Amino acid sequence: MDISFNCDKCGQQIVIDASGAGNQVQCPKCSAVLIVPSAAKQQPRKHLGDSPLSSDSRQEKLSVPKSTAAVTLPKQQSPLRVVAGTMLGVLGLTLSVYLVYFLGFKSAKPVSLGNLLPDYTIDGEVFVVDRDGKSTKLSLVPVGLVSLDELIPYLKNKIETANRETVRLRALIEAANAEAAPLKIEKDRLQEVSDKLLNRYSELSPSIFHDKLGKTLKEQYEEAHIAYTNAVERWTPVNDRLYKLKSEEERYHSNEYYLDRSFVEINSWRQLFENLGTALASGNLTGARQALTQLEPEALAHTRTNNDPFSVLCRDLNSGDLHDAQTAYANIQQMIHHRDSEGSFPKTTQIAKTDADGKFQMQVPRTGDFALLAVADDTAWGKMFWMVKIPSNGAFPRKIMLTNRNNFNVLSSGQILRDP
């Protein structure tokens, strides 16, 4: 049942639920504070149809402004109902969160502010500085961006492998040294005997070359030379094995073991290298030269004198020797397979190259931590390597200088990954 009454000040008709009897309410028209009468004392609601006014007056009554029409106030709820409703709402919300979490939505990736912010740009420059302070810009230097979450485990694995292999190789080197040492002593001794006999024979005058003394010296020299040749044949394979073991040990303590020019560009480099292999396998020397030029723009532009597999491949392709080029390619494949077995280099998220002024740009995401990698191969300065941490908050200097004064060198400092 509703209670109907009028405002004492403005006459506004008000309708409210019977449960509000005795409560204070505010008039919606004049804001006067009123006491809701009980149901027995409520004023009878007037109906327009009961008015003795004429039809014209009734029409005027119907056009009364809406502000004077009856207003129905909301029901007044008891404090107990309010508390109970609030508790039910909290319980329902808690139950909803629980169901969402355990129905599998807990694995959904949250959206962070960093995912919504744009990447920030880092400008870089690569150059070398000589003793006089003169700088030389380095162009076509590959620069890569790698996630620290992938790079740090890779470096740890490389270090553990290097330590383990160093112990193994040093034992083999020690054994090879013990085997090669007496063979070398014998070889050197026989060489000295052979050289002395040859010198004595050479000092004889031509008139006695064919005398008994001359024939005796010649026979002694030839016998000593044969003995020396046999000693060389015994010593050479042992010494070659010793050299390979030492070279392998040195590789585990070199900069190239941790960061190689080809591995900075691992994604594009591998595909181009496979294209080169396909051309060689089909006997297409022209296609192989084109693939090699894509792989390394300056590969065929200058004469290579080194004996590393890549230089050998370049020489063979320049000379047109298909069989030797295929052999050199197979050697490089074997080297890559061996490195992959030690742990593949992390995927680079971005790759850039320095321009003619030695400058580059890199877009760095705001989420996650990264490292900037670069490898320069300069004719005068040799190979230089950089690994520099880049924080995700953008606090890193927006311009990076990579020079011969801040590159890493495993042999001198032992430090690989540098702080900014």
Protein backbone atom coordinates (compact mmCIF):
# COMPACT_ATOMS: atom_id res chain seq x y z
CA MET A 1 0.00 0.00 0.00
CA ASP A 2 1.25 3.50 -0.88
CA ILE A 3 0.97 6.66 1.20
CA SER A 4 -0.07 9.83 -0.68
CA PHE A 5 0.38 13.31 0.83
CA ASN A 6 1.14 16.92 -0.22
CA CYS A 7 4.13 19.10 0.60
CA ASP A 8 3.29 21.68 3.30
CA LYS A 9 5.21 24.43 1.47
CA CYS A 10 4.67 24.05 -2.27
CA GLY A 11 1.73 21.62 -2.37
CA GLN A 12 3.60 19.02 -4.43
CA GLN A 13 1.79 15.69 -4.30
CA ILE A 14 4.09 12.88 -3.09
CA VAL A 15 3.50 9.11 -3.17
CA ILE A 16 5.68 6.75 -1.09
CA ASP A 17 5.57 3.12 0.05
CA ALA A 18 3.80 2.49 3.34
CA SER A 19 7.07 1.19 4.86
CA GLY A 20 8.36 4.78 4.81
CA ALA A 21 5.79 6.02 7.33
CA GLY A 22 7.40 8.16 10.03
CA ASN A 23 10.63 8.69 8.04
CA GLN A 24 11.97 12.01 6.88
CA VAL A 25 11.97 12.70 3.12
CA GLN A 26 12.92 15.66 0.99
CA CYS A 27 10.43 17.29 -1.31
CA PRO A 28 11.62 16.76 -4.89
CA LYS A 29 10.33 20.23 -5.89
CA CYS A 30 11.25 22.67 -3.11
CA SER A 31 13.67 20.44 -1.09
CA ALA A 32 11.67 20.94 2.12
CA VAL A 33 12.18 18.24 4.75
CA LEU A 34 8.89 16.43 5.46
CA ILE A 35 7.69 13.68 7.83
CA VAL A 36 5.83 10.91 6.01
CA PRO A 37 2.40 10.55 7.64
CA SER A 38 1.00 7.21 8.62
CA ALA A 39 -1.38 5.43 6.28
CA ALA A 40 -4.37 6.48 8.39
CA LYS A 41 -3.53 10.20 8.19
CA GLN A 42 -2.66 10.36 4.50
CA GLN A 43 -4.43 12.94 2.40
CA PRO A 44 -6.86 11.55 -0.17
CA ARG A 45 -5.47 11.68 -3.70
CA LYS A 46 -7.47 14.00 -5.91
CA HIS A 47 -8.53 12.74 -9.30
CA LEU A 48 -9.18 15.10 -12.15
CA GLY A 49 -12.27 13.24 -13.07
CA ASP A 50 -13.90 14.01 -9.68
CA SER A 51 -13.51 17.81 -10.01
CA PRO A 52 -16.75 19.87 -10.43
CA LEU A 53 -14.99 22.11 -12.90
CA SER A 54 -16.44 22.69 -16.28
CA SER A 55 -15.07 21.02 -19.37
CA ASP A 56 -13.04 24.13 -20.11
CA SER A 57 -11.64 24.15 -16.60
CA ARG A 58 -10.97 20.41 -16.83
CA GLN A 59 -9.01 21.00 -20.03
CA GLU A 60 -7.01 23.70 -18.21
CA LYS A 61 -6.35 21.30 -15.32
CA LEU A 62 -5.01 18.70 -17.75
CA SER A 63 -2.45 21.23 -19.00
CA VAL A 64 -0.85 21.69 -15.59
CA PRO A 65 2.99 21.71 -15.89
CA LYS A 66 4.67 18.37 -15.21
CA SER A 67 6.56 19.82 -12.26
CA THR A 68 3.31 19.94 -10.23
CA ALA A 69 2.34 16.35 -11.03
CA ALA A 70 2.50 13.66 -8.36
CA VAL A 71 5.98 12.29 -7.65
CA THR A 72 6.58 8.73 -6.46
CA LEU A 73 9.64 8.43 -4.16
CA PRO A 74 11.71 5.23 -4.06
CA LYS A 75 11.00 2.73 -1.37
CA GLN A 76 13.05 3.16 1.79
CA GLN A 77 15.09 0.02 2.49
CA SER A 78 15.97 -1.02 6.00
CA PRO A 79 19.68 -1.13 7.04
CA LEU A 80 19.48 -4.93 7.35
CA ARG A 81 18.44 -5.24 3.72
CA VAL A 82 21.26 -2.96 2.61
CA VAL A 83 23.90 -5.00 4.50
CA ALA A 84 22.51 -8.29 3.21
CA GLY A 85 22.50 -7.02 -0.37
CA THR A 86 26.09 -5.80 -0.09
CA MET A 87 27.27 -9.16 1.29
CA LEU A 88 25.51 -11.05 -1.47
CA GLY A 89 27.16 -8.79 -4.08
CA VAL A 90 30.65 -9.36 -2.65
CA LEU A 91 30.04 -13.12 -2.45
CA GLY A 92 28.88 -13.18 -6.08
CA LEU A 93 31.94 -11.23 -7.27
CA THR A 94 34.32 -13.55 -5.36
CA LEU A 95 32.63 -16.62 -6.83
CA SER A 96 32.90 -15.17 -10.37
CA VAL A 97 36.64 -14.50 -9.99
CA TYR A 98 37.18 -18.01 -8.61
CA LEU A 99 35.34 -19.65 -11.51
CA VAL A 100 37.13 -17.55 -14.14
CA TYR A 101 40.55 -18.40 -12.65
CA PHE A 102 40.00 -22.15 -12.40
CA LEU A 103 38.20 -22.52 -15.73
CA GLY A 104 41.44 -21.80 -17.58
CA PHE A 105 41.44 -18.04 -17.92
CA LYS A 106 44.32 -17.79 -15.44
CA SER A 107 46.69 -18.66 -18.29
CA ALA A 108 45.60 -15.69 -20.37
CA LYS A 109 48.42 -13.22 -20.96
CA PRO A 110 47.77 -9.97 -19.09
CA VAL A 111 47.88 -6.72 -20.95
CA SER A 112 50.50 -4.44 -19.46
CA LEU A 113 51.10 -0.77 -20.09
CA GLY A 114 54.40 -1.67 -21.78
CA ASN A 115 52.53 -3.63 -24.46
CA LEU A 116 50.52 -0.52 -25.31
CA LEU A 117 53.48 1.87 -25.52
CA PRO A 118 55.41 2.25 -28.79
CA ASP A 119 58.99 0.99 -29.17
CA TYR A 120 61.72 3.53 -28.57
CA THR A 121 64.48 4.28 -31.05
CA ILE A 122 68.20 3.93 -30.39
CA ASP A 123 70.70 5.63 -32.68
CA GLY A 124 74.13 4.02 -32.90
CA GLU A 125 77.52 4.58 -34.46
CA VAL A 126 80.43 2.18 -35.05
CA PHE A 127 83.96 3.51 -35.51
CA VAL A 128 87.59 3.01 -34.51
CA VAL A 129 89.92 5.57 -32.98
CA ASP A 130 93.69 5.48 -33.56
CA ARG A 131 96.42 6.69 -31.21
CA ASP A 132 96.24 10.20 -32.61
CA GLY A 133 92.52 10.41 -31.86
CA LYS A 134 91.47 10.16 -35.51
CA SER A 135 88.24 8.21 -35.98
CA THR A 136 87.32 5.97 -38.91
CA LYS A 137 83.66 5.06 -39.51
CA LEU A 138 82.90 1.38 -40.14
CA SER A 139 80.20 0.62 -42.71
CA LEU A 140 78.18 -2.56 -43.34
CA VAL A 141 78.65 -3.71 -39.75
CA PRO A 142 75.84 -6.14 -38.82
CA VAL A 143 74.00 -5.20 -35.62
CA GLY A 144 71.43 -7.43 -33.95
CA LEU A 145 68.97 -7.19 -31.06
CA VAL A 146 68.59 -10.31 -28.89
CA SER A 147 66.45 -10.99 -25.83
CA LEU A 148 68.49 -11.39 -22.64
CA ASP A 149 66.12 -14.20 -21.62
CA GLU A 150 67.58 -16.23 -24.51
CA LEU A 151 71.11 -14.78 -24.65
CA ILE A 152 72.11 -15.35 -21.01
CA PRO A 153 71.28 -19.11 -21.00
CA TYR A 154 73.12 -19.40 -24.33
CA LEU A 155 76.24 -17.73 -22.91
CA LYS A 156 76.11 -19.84 -19.75
CA ASN A 157 75.92 -22.98 -21.85
CA LYS A 158 78.84 -21.82 -23.99
CA ILE A 159 80.97 -21.10 -20.92
CA GLU A 160 80.15 -24.46 -19.34
CA THR A 161 80.96 -26.23 -22.62
CA ALA A 162 84.23 -24.31 -22.97
CA ASN A 163 85.32 -25.26 -19.46
CA ARG A 164 84.40 -28.90 -19.95
CA GLU A 165 86.05 -29.17 -23.37
CA THR A 166 89.17 -27.37 -22.17
CA VAL A 167 89.72 -30.05 -19.51
CA ARG A 168 89.20 -32.83 -22.06
CA LEU A 169 91.40 -31.26 -24.74
CA ARG A 170 94.26 -30.47 -22.39
CA ALA A 171 94.47 -34.13 -21.42
CA LEU A 172 94.63 -35.09 -25.11
CA ILE A 173 97.19 -32.35 -25.80
CA GLU A 174 99.38 -33.57 -22.97
CA ALA A 175 99.26 -37.13 -24.35
CA ALA A 176 99.98 -35.94 -27.89
CA ASN A 177 102.88 -33.82 -26.63
CA ALA A 178 104.35 -36.86 -24.87
CA GLU A 179 104.10 -38.83 -28.11
CA ALA A 180 105.40 -36.09 -30.39
CA ALA A 181 108.33 -34.92 -28.27
CA PRO A 182 110.69 -37.94 -28.76
CA LEU A 183 109.75 -38.13 -32.43
CA LYS A 184 110.68 -34.49 -32.89
CA ILE A 185 113.99 -34.97 -31.07
CA GLU A 186 114.85 -37.90 -33.33
CA LYS A 187 113.77 -35.98 -36.43
CA ASP A 188 115.86 -32.97 -35.49
CA ARG A 189 118.88 -35.18 -34.72
CA LEU A 190 118.70 -36.97 -38.06
CA GLN A 191 118.23 -33.68 -39.87
CA GLU A 192 121.38 -32.32 -38.25
CA VAL A 193 123.37 -35.46 -39.24
CA SER A 194 122.05 -35.29 -42.78
CA ASP A 195 122.87 -31.58 -43.09
CA LYS A 196 126.44 -32.08 -41.82
CA LEU A 197 127.13 -34.90 -44.29
CA LEU A 198 125.67 -32.82 -47.10
CA ASN A 199 127.89 -29.87 -46.16
CA ARG A 200 131.02 -32.07 -46.04
CA TYR A 201 130.16 -33.60 -49.38
CA SER A 202 129.51 -30.16 -50.88
CA GLU A 203 132.90 -28.90 -49.69
CA LEU A 204 134.79 -31.55 -51.65
CA SER A 205 136.44 -30.37 -54.80
CA PRO A 206 134.96 -31.65 -58.04
CA SER A 207 138.07 -33.73 -58.65
CA ILE A 208 137.37 -36.08 -55.76
CA PHE A 209 133.55 -36.33 -56.05
CA HIS A 210 134.00 -39.76 -57.59
CA ASP A 211 136.86 -40.86 -55.36
CA LYS A 212 136.36 -43.34 -52.55
CA LEU A 213 135.94 -40.54 -49.97
CA GLY A 214 133.39 -38.80 -52.10
CA LYS A 215 131.41 -41.96 -52.69
CA THR A 216 131.49 -42.79 -48.99
CA LEU A 217 130.24 -39.34 -47.94
CA LYS A 218 127.51 -39.46 -50.55
CA GLU A 219 126.31 -42.87 -49.37
CA GLN A 220 126.37 -41.74 -45.75
CA TYR A 221 124.39 -38.62 -46.59
CA GLU A 222 121.79 -40.54 -48.57
CA GLU A 223 121.40 -43.05 -45.77
CA ALA A 224 121.04 -40.26 -43.19
CA HIS A 225 118.56 -38.40 -45.38
CA ILE A 226 116.39 -41.51 -45.75
CA ALA A 227 116.41 -41.96 -41.99
CA TYR A 228 115.46 -38.31 -41.55
CA THR A 229 112.61 -38.62 -44.06
CA ASN A 230 111.22 -41.64 -42.20
CA ALA A 231 111.40 -39.71 -38.92
CA VAL A 232 109.49 -36.83 -40.47
CA GLU A 233 106.79 -39.24 -41.66
CA ARG A 234 106.42 -40.65 -38.14
CA TRP A 235 106.37 -37.22 -36.49
CA THR A 236 104.09 -35.33 -38.95
CA PRO A 237 100.71 -37.03 -38.22
CA VAL A 238 101.28 -36.80 -34.46
CA ASN A 239 102.20 -33.13 -34.79
CA ASP A 240 99.16 -32.44 -37.00
CA ARG A 241 96.91 -34.02 -34.40
CA LEU A 242 98.56 -31.94 -31.70
CA TYR A 243 98.06 -28.75 -33.77
CA LYS A 244 94.34 -29.47 -34.28
CA LEU A 245 93.85 -30.14 -30.57
CA LYS A 246 95.55 -26.86 -29.66
CA SER A 247 93.53 -24.96 -32.27
CA GLU A 248 90.30 -26.43 -30.94
CA GLU A 249 91.24 -25.46 -27.40
CA GLU A 250 92.09 -21.91 -28.51
CA ARG A 251 88.70 -21.58 -30.20
CA TYR A 252 86.94 -22.12 -26.87
CA HIS A 253 88.80 -19.08 -25.55
CA SER A 254 88.27 -16.81 -28.54
CA ASN A 255 85.73 -14.07 -29.21
CA GLU A 256 84.41 -15.94 -32.25
CA TYR A 257 83.31 -18.83 -30.04
CA TYR A 258 80.74 -16.59 -28.35
CA LEU A 259 79.77 -14.27 -31.18
CA ASP A 260 80.41 -14.77 -34.89
CA ARG A 261 79.53 -12.37 -37.68
CA SER A 262 77.32 -14.95 -39.35
CA PHE A 263 75.45 -15.69 -36.12
CA VAL A 264 74.46 -12.05 -35.63
CA GLU A 265 72.48 -12.41 -38.85
CA ILE A 266 71.52 -15.99 -38.11
CA ASN A 267 68.09 -15.93 -39.74
CA SER A 268 68.93 -14.44 -43.13
CA TRP A 269 72.46 -15.91 -43.18
CA ARG A 270 71.29 -19.51 -42.92
CA GLN A 271 68.80 -19.13 -45.77
CA LEU A 272 71.38 -17.53 -48.06
CA PHE A 273 73.90 -20.21 -47.14
CA GLU A 274 71.39 -22.91 -48.09
CA ASN A 275 70.80 -21.17 -51.44
CA LEU A 276 74.55 -21.30 -52.04
CA GLY A 277 74.60 -25.03 -51.29
CA THR A 278 71.69 -25.67 -53.66
CA ALA A 279 73.51 -23.89 -56.49
CA LEU A 280 76.73 -25.84 -55.85
CA ALA A 281 74.88 -29.15 -55.67
CA SER A 282 73.36 -28.50 -59.11
CA GLY A 283 76.74 -27.49 -60.57
CA ASN A 284 75.58 -23.90 -61.15
CA LEU A 285 78.76 -21.85 -60.56
CA THR A 286 77.12 -18.61 -61.69
CA GLY A 287 74.25 -19.08 -59.26
CA ALA A 288 76.71 -20.00 -56.52
CA ARG A 289 78.67 -16.78 -57.09
CA GLN A 290 75.45 -14.75 -56.94
CA ALA A 291 74.38 -16.49 -53.73
CA LEU A 292 77.80 -15.87 -52.19
CA THR A 293 77.60 -12.17 -53.12
CA GLN A 294 74.20 -11.96 -51.40
CA LEU A 295 75.68 -13.71 -48.40
CA GLU A 296 78.69 -11.42 -48.23
CA PRO A 297 78.69 -8.44 -50.64
CA GLU A 298 82.49 -8.13 -50.64
CA ALA A 299 83.17 -11.89 -50.73
CA LEU A 300 84.52 -11.96 -54.29
CA ALA A 301 85.73 -8.36 -54.48
CA HIS A 302 89.23 -8.89 -53.11
CA THR A 303 91.84 -11.62 -52.94
CA ARG A 304 91.71 -13.77 -49.83
CA THR A 305 94.92 -15.30 -48.52
CA ASN A 306 93.59 -16.89 -45.32
CA ASN A 307 92.96 -20.61 -45.11
CA ASP A 308 89.69 -20.49 -43.20
CA PRO A 309 86.84 -22.42 -44.91
CA PHE A 310 85.03 -19.29 -46.08
CA SER A 311 88.15 -17.79 -47.72
CA VAL A 312 88.86 -21.13 -49.40
CA LEU A 313 85.29 -21.22 -50.75
CA CYS A 314 85.69 -17.69 -52.15
CA ARG A 315 88.95 -18.61 -53.92
CA ASP A 316 87.46 -21.80 -55.38
CA LEU A 317 84.44 -19.94 -56.75
CA ASN A 318 86.67 -17.25 -58.21
CA SER A 319 88.80 -19.87 -59.95
CA GLY A 320 85.76 -21.84 -61.14
CA ASP A 321 86.77 -25.08 -59.40
CA LEU A 322 83.39 -26.68 -58.70
CA HIS A 323 84.67 -29.78 -56.90
CA ASP A 324 86.89 -27.84 -54.50
CA ALA A 325 84.10 -25.30 -53.89
CA GLN A 326 81.73 -28.15 -52.95
CA THR A 327 84.36 -29.51 -50.57
CA ALA A 328 84.86 -26.09 -48.95
CA TYR A 329 81.09 -25.71 -48.58
CA ALA A 330 80.89 -29.12 -46.90
CA ASN A 331 83.60 -28.06 -44.44
CA ILE A 332 81.62 -24.94 -43.53
CA GLN A 333 78.50 -27.06 -43.09
CA GLN A 334 80.39 -29.34 -40.73
CA MET A 335 81.61 -26.35 -38.74
CA ILE A 336 78.05 -24.97 -38.43
CA HIS A 337 76.72 -28.37 -37.37
CA HIS A 338 79.42 -28.58 -34.69
CA ARG A 339 78.50 -25.13 -33.39
CA ASP A 340 74.81 -25.97 -33.39
CA SER A 341 75.54 -29.02 -31.25
CA GLU A 342 77.03 -26.64 -28.67
CA GLY A 343 73.84 -24.58 -28.61
CA SER A 344 72.25 -22.57 -31.39
CA PHE A 345 72.65 -18.83 -31.27
CA PRO A 346 69.51 -17.04 -30.05
CA LYS A 347 67.15 -15.63 -32.64
CA THR A 348 67.73 -11.97 -33.38
CA THR A 349 64.51 -9.95 -33.08
CA GLN A 350 65.91 -7.16 -35.28
CA ILE A 351 68.86 -6.77 -37.64
CA ALA A 352 70.43 -3.61 -39.01
CA LYS A 353 73.64 -2.60 -40.78
CA THR A 354 75.67 0.55 -40.46
CA ASP A 355 75.57 2.96 -43.38
CA ALA A 356 78.51 4.68 -45.07
CA ASP A 357 78.89 6.95 -42.02
CA GLY A 358 78.96 4.00 -39.62
CA LYS A 359 75.46 4.85 -38.27
CA PHE A 360 72.46 2.61 -37.56
CA GLN A 361 69.03 2.73 -35.92
CA MET A 362 67.32 0.09 -33.81
CA GLN A 363 63.74 -0.11 -32.50
CA VAL A 364 63.74 -1.50 -28.94
CA PRO A 365 60.51 -2.84 -27.34
CA ARG A 366 59.56 -1.45 -23.96
CA THR A 367 58.82 -4.88 -22.54
CA GLY A 368 61.67 -7.29 -21.78
CA ASP A 369 65.43 -6.82 -21.55
CA PHE A 370 67.67 -6.99 -24.60
CA ALA A 371 71.29 -6.92 -25.70
CA LEU A 372 72.77 -5.16 -28.70
CA LEU A 373 75.24 -7.33 -30.62
CA ALA A 374 77.68 -6.29 -33.34
CA VAL A 375 80.71 -7.74 -35.13
CA ALA A 376 83.07 -5.64 -37.24
CA ASP A 377 85.83 -7.06 -39.45
CA ASP A 378 88.24 -4.27 -40.37
CA THR A 379 91.35 -4.80 -42.50
CA ALA A 380 93.56 -2.69 -40.24
CA TRP A 381 91.99 -3.41 -36.85
CA GLY A 382 90.87 -7.00 -37.32
CA LYS A 383 87.68 -8.37 -35.77
CA MET A 384 85.86 -6.52 -33.00
CA PHE A 385 82.89 -7.73 -30.98
CA TRP A 386 80.23 -5.98 -28.88
CA MET A 387 77.54 -7.25 -26.49
CA VAL A 388 75.79 -4.42 -24.64
CA LYS A 389 72.80 -4.73 -22.30
CA ILE A 390 69.77 -2.54 -23.01
CA PRO A 391 67.12 -2.11 -20.27
CA SER A 392 63.46 -2.11 -21.28
CA ASN A 393 62.54 1.12 -19.46
CA GLY A 394 64.15 3.34 -22.07
CA ALA A 395 66.63 4.79 -19.54
CA PHE A 396 69.54 3.69 -21.70
CA PRO A 397 71.25 6.53 -23.60
CA ARG A 398 69.46 6.93 -26.91
CA LYS A 399 72.81 7.10 -28.74
CA ILE A 400 75.30 4.24 -28.55
CA MET A 401 78.95 4.47 -29.56
CA LEU A 402 80.61 1.15 -30.42
CA THR A 403 84.36 1.62 -30.75
CA ASN A 404 87.63 -0.28 -30.45
CA ARG A 405 87.80 1.06 -26.89
CA ASN A 406 84.63 -0.58 -25.53
CA ASN A 407 84.46 -3.87 -27.45
CA PHE A 408 84.76 -7.12 -25.49
CA ASN A 409 87.85 -9.31 -25.60
CA VAL A 410 87.66 -12.69 -23.89
CA LEU A 411 91.44 -13.13 -23.81
CA SER A 412 92.24 -9.79 -22.17
CA SER A 413 89.30 -9.06 -19.87
CA GLY A 414 87.18 -12.22 -19.82
CA GLN A 415 84.08 -9.99 -19.89
CA ILE A 416 81.58 -10.75 -22.63
CA LEU A 417 78.25 -9.07 -21.85
CA ARG A 418 78.82 -5.45 -20.86
CA ASP A 419 76.56 -3.12 -18.90
CA PRO A 420 75.48 0.12 -20.60
